[in-house]
Amino acid sequence: MTTKKAKEESEGITAYSVKTKTKNVPMVDPVIDIKSGRYIATGKDKDGNKMAAILGKAKAEEHIKAGNAKKGSGWE
């Protein structure tokens, strides 16, 4: 049985799709920006719908280190 955390680490960043009303949709080519001290991952789903997810600092750095996302604006 896989946990949500293990699933998220292996697949990359996932988010809720407002358009399709589905949970844990994988993001394609996410970019993590820092704005007002928050880490925000933005990207698209496989159909091209825009998505966003707010992450903690540790999780954002983990995804960048693993190569699941790219650094956007706000990083030093």
N, C-alpha and C. Protein backbone atom coordinates (compact mmCIF):
# COMPACT_ATOMS: atom_id res chain seq x y z
N MET A 1 0.85 -1.18 0.00
CA MET A 1 0.00 0.00 0.00
C MET A 1 0.89 1.24 0.00
N THR A 2 0.72 2.09 -0.97
CA THR A 2 1.51 3.32 -1.04
C THR A 2 0.77 4.46 -0.37
N THR A 3 1.56 5.27 0.30
CA THR A 3 0.97 6.43 0.95
C THR A 3 0.95 7.60 -0.03
N LYS A 4 0.18 8.61 0.32
CA LYS A 4 0.09 9.79 -0.54
C LYS A 4 1.45 10.45 -0.69
N LYS A 5 2.22 10.49 0.42
CA LYS A 5 3.53 11.13 0.40
C LYS A 5 4.47 10.39 -0.56
N ALA A 6 4.51 9.06 -0.48
CA ALA A 6 5.37 8.28 -1.36
C ALA A 6 4.94 8.44 -2.81
N LYS A 7 3.65 8.47 -3.05
CA LYS A 7 3.13 8.63 -4.41
C LYS A 7 3.51 10.00 -4.96
N GLU A 8 3.40 11.03 -4.13
CA GLU A 8 3.70 12.38 -4.57
C GLU A 8 5.18 12.53 -4.91
N GLU A 9 6.07 11.90 -4.13
CA GLU A 9 7.49 12.00 -4.38
C GLU A 9 7.88 11.30 -5.68
N SER A 10 7.26 10.17 -5.96
CA SER A 10 7.64 9.43 -7.16
C SER A 10 7.08 10.07 -8.43
N GLU A 11 5.93 10.69 -8.36
CA GLU A 11 5.29 11.25 -9.55
C GLU A 11 5.60 12.73 -9.77
N GLY A 12 6.05 13.42 -8.78
CA GLY A 12 6.26 14.84 -8.91
C GLY A 12 5.15 15.61 -8.23
N ILE A 13 4.95 16.83 -8.65
CA ILE A 13 3.97 17.70 -8.02
C ILE A 13 2.57 17.40 -8.56
N THR A 14 1.63 17.26 -7.64
CA THR A 14 0.24 17.05 -8.03
C THR A 14 -0.61 18.17 -7.45
N ALA A 15 -1.76 18.42 -8.06
CA ALA A 15 -2.65 19.47 -7.61
C ALA A 15 -4.09 19.11 -7.94
N TYR A 16 -5.01 19.90 -7.43
CA TYR A 16 -6.43 19.74 -7.72
C TYR A 16 -6.75 20.50 -9.00
N SER A 17 -7.43 19.86 -9.91
CA SER A 17 -7.84 20.51 -11.15
C SER A 17 -9.25 21.05 -10.98
N VAL A 18 -9.39 22.36 -11.00
CA VAL A 18 -10.70 22.99 -10.82
C VAL A 18 -11.58 22.71 -12.04
N LYS A 19 -10.99 22.71 -13.21
CA LYS A 19 -11.77 22.52 -14.43
C LYS A 19 -12.38 21.11 -14.51
N THR A 20 -11.57 20.10 -14.20
CA THR A 20 -12.07 18.72 -14.30
C THR A 20 -12.56 18.17 -12.96
N LYS A 21 -12.36 18.94 -11.89
CA LYS A 21 -12.79 18.56 -10.53
C LYS A 21 -12.20 17.21 -10.09
N THR A 22 -10.90 17.01 -10.37
CA THR A 22 -10.22 15.79 -9.95
C THR A 22 -9.03 16.14 -9.07
N LYS A 23 -8.74 15.23 -8.12
CA LYS A 23 -7.64 15.44 -7.19
C LYS A 23 -6.38 14.72 -7.67
N ASN A 24 -5.24 15.19 -7.16
CA ASN A 24 -3.93 14.57 -7.41
C ASN A 24 -3.60 14.42 -8.89
N VAL A 25 -3.85 15.47 -9.66
CA VAL A 25 -3.53 15.48 -11.08
C VAL A 25 -2.06 15.89 -11.22
N PRO A 26 -1.22 15.09 -11.90
CA PRO A 26 0.19 15.44 -12.05
C PRO A 26 0.38 16.70 -12.90
N MET A 27 1.30 17.55 -12.48
CA MET A 27 1.64 18.76 -13.23
C MET A 27 2.71 18.45 -14.26
N VAL A 28 2.57 19.03 -15.44
CA VAL A 28 3.56 18.89 -16.50
C VAL A 28 4.44 20.14 -16.48
N ASP A 29 5.74 19.96 -16.42
CA ASP A 29 6.73 21.05 -16.40
C ASP A 29 6.40 22.14 -15.37
N PRO A 30 6.32 21.80 -14.08
CA PRO A 30 6.02 22.82 -13.08
C PRO A 30 7.19 23.76 -12.82
N VAL A 31 6.86 24.99 -12.47
CA VAL A 31 7.83 26.01 -12.10
C VAL A 31 7.44 26.50 -10.72
N ILE A 32 8.41 26.56 -9.80
CA ILE A 32 8.13 27.00 -8.44
C ILE A 32 8.64 28.42 -8.25
N ASP A 33 7.73 29.33 -7.94
CA ASP A 33 8.04 30.72 -7.66
C ASP A 33 7.90 30.98 -6.17
N ILE A 34 8.65 31.98 -5.68
CA ILE A 34 8.49 32.41 -4.30
C ILE A 34 7.87 33.81 -4.34
N LYS A 35 6.70 33.92 -3.73
CA LYS A 35 6.00 35.20 -3.71
C LYS A 35 5.46 35.43 -2.31
N SER A 36 5.86 36.51 -1.68
CA SER A 36 5.44 36.85 -0.31
C SER A 36 5.76 35.74 0.67
N GLY A 37 6.88 35.06 0.47
CA GLY A 37 7.31 34.01 1.37
C GLY A 37 6.64 32.66 1.16
N ARG A 38 5.81 32.55 0.15
CA ARG A 38 5.12 31.28 -0.15
C ARG A 38 5.73 30.66 -1.41
N TYR A 39 5.75 29.36 -1.42
CA TYR A 39 6.28 28.61 -2.56
C TYR A 39 5.09 28.12 -3.38
N ILE A 40 4.99 28.64 -4.60
CA ILE A 40 3.83 28.35 -5.44
C ILE A 40 4.30 27.64 -6.72
N ALA A 41 3.80 26.43 -6.90
CA ALA A 41 4.12 25.68 -8.12
C ALA A 41 3.02 25.92 -9.14
N THR A 42 3.41 26.32 -10.33
CA THR A 42 2.45 26.53 -11.41
C THR A 42 2.84 25.65 -12.59
N GLY A 43 1.85 25.16 -13.27
CA GLY A 43 2.09 24.31 -14.43
C GLY A 43 0.78 24.00 -15.12
N LYS A 44 0.80 22.97 -15.93
CA LYS A 44 -0.40 22.56 -16.66
C LYS A 44 -0.59 21.06 -16.50
N ASP A 45 -1.83 20.61 -16.70
CA ASP A 45 -2.07 19.18 -16.71
C ASP A 45 -1.85 18.65 -18.13
N LYS A 46 -2.06 17.38 -18.34
CA LYS A 46 -1.79 16.77 -19.66
C LYS A 46 -2.67 17.34 -20.76
N ASP A 47 -3.82 17.94 -20.39
CA ASP A 47 -4.74 18.52 -21.38
C ASP A 47 -4.47 20.00 -21.64
N GLY A 48 -3.52 20.59 -20.90
CA GLY A 48 -3.17 21.99 -21.10
C GLY A 48 -3.89 22.96 -20.18
N ASN A 49 -4.65 22.45 -19.20
CA ASN A 49 -5.33 23.33 -18.25
C ASN A 49 -4.35 23.83 -17.21
N LYS A 50 -4.39 25.12 -16.89
CA LYS A 50 -3.49 25.70 -15.91
C LYS A 50 -3.81 25.19 -14.51
N MET A 51 -2.74 24.98 -13.72
CA MET A 51 -2.89 24.51 -12.35
C MET A 51 -1.89 25.22 -11.45
N ALA A 52 -2.18 25.25 -10.15
CA ALA A 52 -1.25 25.83 -9.17
C ALA A 52 -1.39 25.07 -7.86
N ALA A 53 -0.28 25.02 -7.11
CA ALA A 53 -0.30 24.37 -5.80
C ALA A 53 0.65 25.13 -4.88
N ILE A 54 0.26 25.31 -3.64
CA ILE A 54 1.11 25.95 -2.64
C ILE A 54 1.86 24.86 -1.89
N LEU A 55 3.17 25.03 -1.79
CA LEU A 55 4.04 24.05 -1.15
C LEU A 55 4.77 24.68 0.03
N GLY A 56 5.25 23.84 0.93
CA GLY A 56 6.13 24.30 1.99
C GLY A 56 7.55 24.41 1.45
N LYS A 57 8.41 25.09 2.18
CA LYS A 57 9.79 25.30 1.73
C LYS A 57 10.51 23.97 1.52
N ALA A 58 10.40 23.06 2.47
CA ALA A 58 11.10 21.77 2.38
C ALA A 58 10.64 20.98 1.17
N LYS A 59 9.35 20.92 0.95
CA LYS A 59 8.79 20.17 -0.18
C LYS A 59 9.19 20.81 -1.51
N ALA A 60 9.19 22.14 -1.59
CA ALA A 60 9.59 22.84 -2.81
C ALA A 60 11.05 22.54 -3.15
N GLU A 61 11.92 22.64 -2.15
CA GLU A 61 13.34 22.36 -2.38
C GLU A 61 13.57 20.90 -2.75
N GLU A 62 12.79 20.01 -2.17
CA GLU A 62 12.89 18.58 -2.48
C GLU A 62 12.54 18.30 -3.94
N HIS A 63 11.48 18.92 -4.44
CA HIS A 63 11.07 18.73 -5.83
C HIS A 63 12.10 19.30 -6.80
N ILE A 64 12.70 20.43 -6.45
CA ILE A 64 13.72 21.02 -7.32
C ILE A 64 14.97 20.14 -7.33
N LYS A 65 15.37 19.67 -6.17
CA LYS A 65 16.55 18.80 -6.09
C LYS A 65 16.35 17.51 -6.87
N ALA A 66 15.14 16.95 -6.82
CA ALA A 66 14.83 15.70 -7.52
C ALA A 66 14.66 15.92 -9.03
N GLY A 67 14.57 17.17 -9.46
CA GLY A 67 14.39 17.46 -10.89
C GLY A 67 12.95 17.44 -11.33
N ASN A 68 12.01 17.43 -10.38
CA ASN A 68 10.59 17.43 -10.73
C ASN A 68 10.08 18.80 -11.13
N ALA A 69 10.82 19.87 -10.76
CA ALA A 69 10.37 21.24 -11.04
C ALA A 69 11.58 22.12 -11.28
N LYS A 70 11.33 23.29 -11.84
CA LYS A 70 12.37 24.28 -12.10
C LYS A 70 12.15 25.48 -11.17
N LYS A 71 13.23 26.20 -10.89
CA LYS A 71 13.14 27.42 -10.10
C LYS A 71 12.58 28.54 -10.97
N GLY A 72 11.65 29.29 -10.39
CA GLY A 72 11.08 30.44 -11.09
C GLY A 72 11.58 31.72 -10.46
N SER A 73 10.74 32.71 -10.37
CA SER A 73 11.15 34.00 -9.81
C SER A 73 11.15 33.95 -8.28
N GLY A 74 11.97 34.81 -7.67
CA GLY A 74 12.01 34.93 -6.23
C GLY A 74 13.11 34.14 -5.55
N TRP A 75 13.76 33.23 -6.26
CA TRP A 75 14.85 32.45 -5.68
C TRP A 75 16.11 33.29 -5.69
N GLU A 76 16.94 33.10 -4.68
CA GLU A 76 18.20 33.89 -4.61
C GLU A 76 19.32 33.21 -5.32
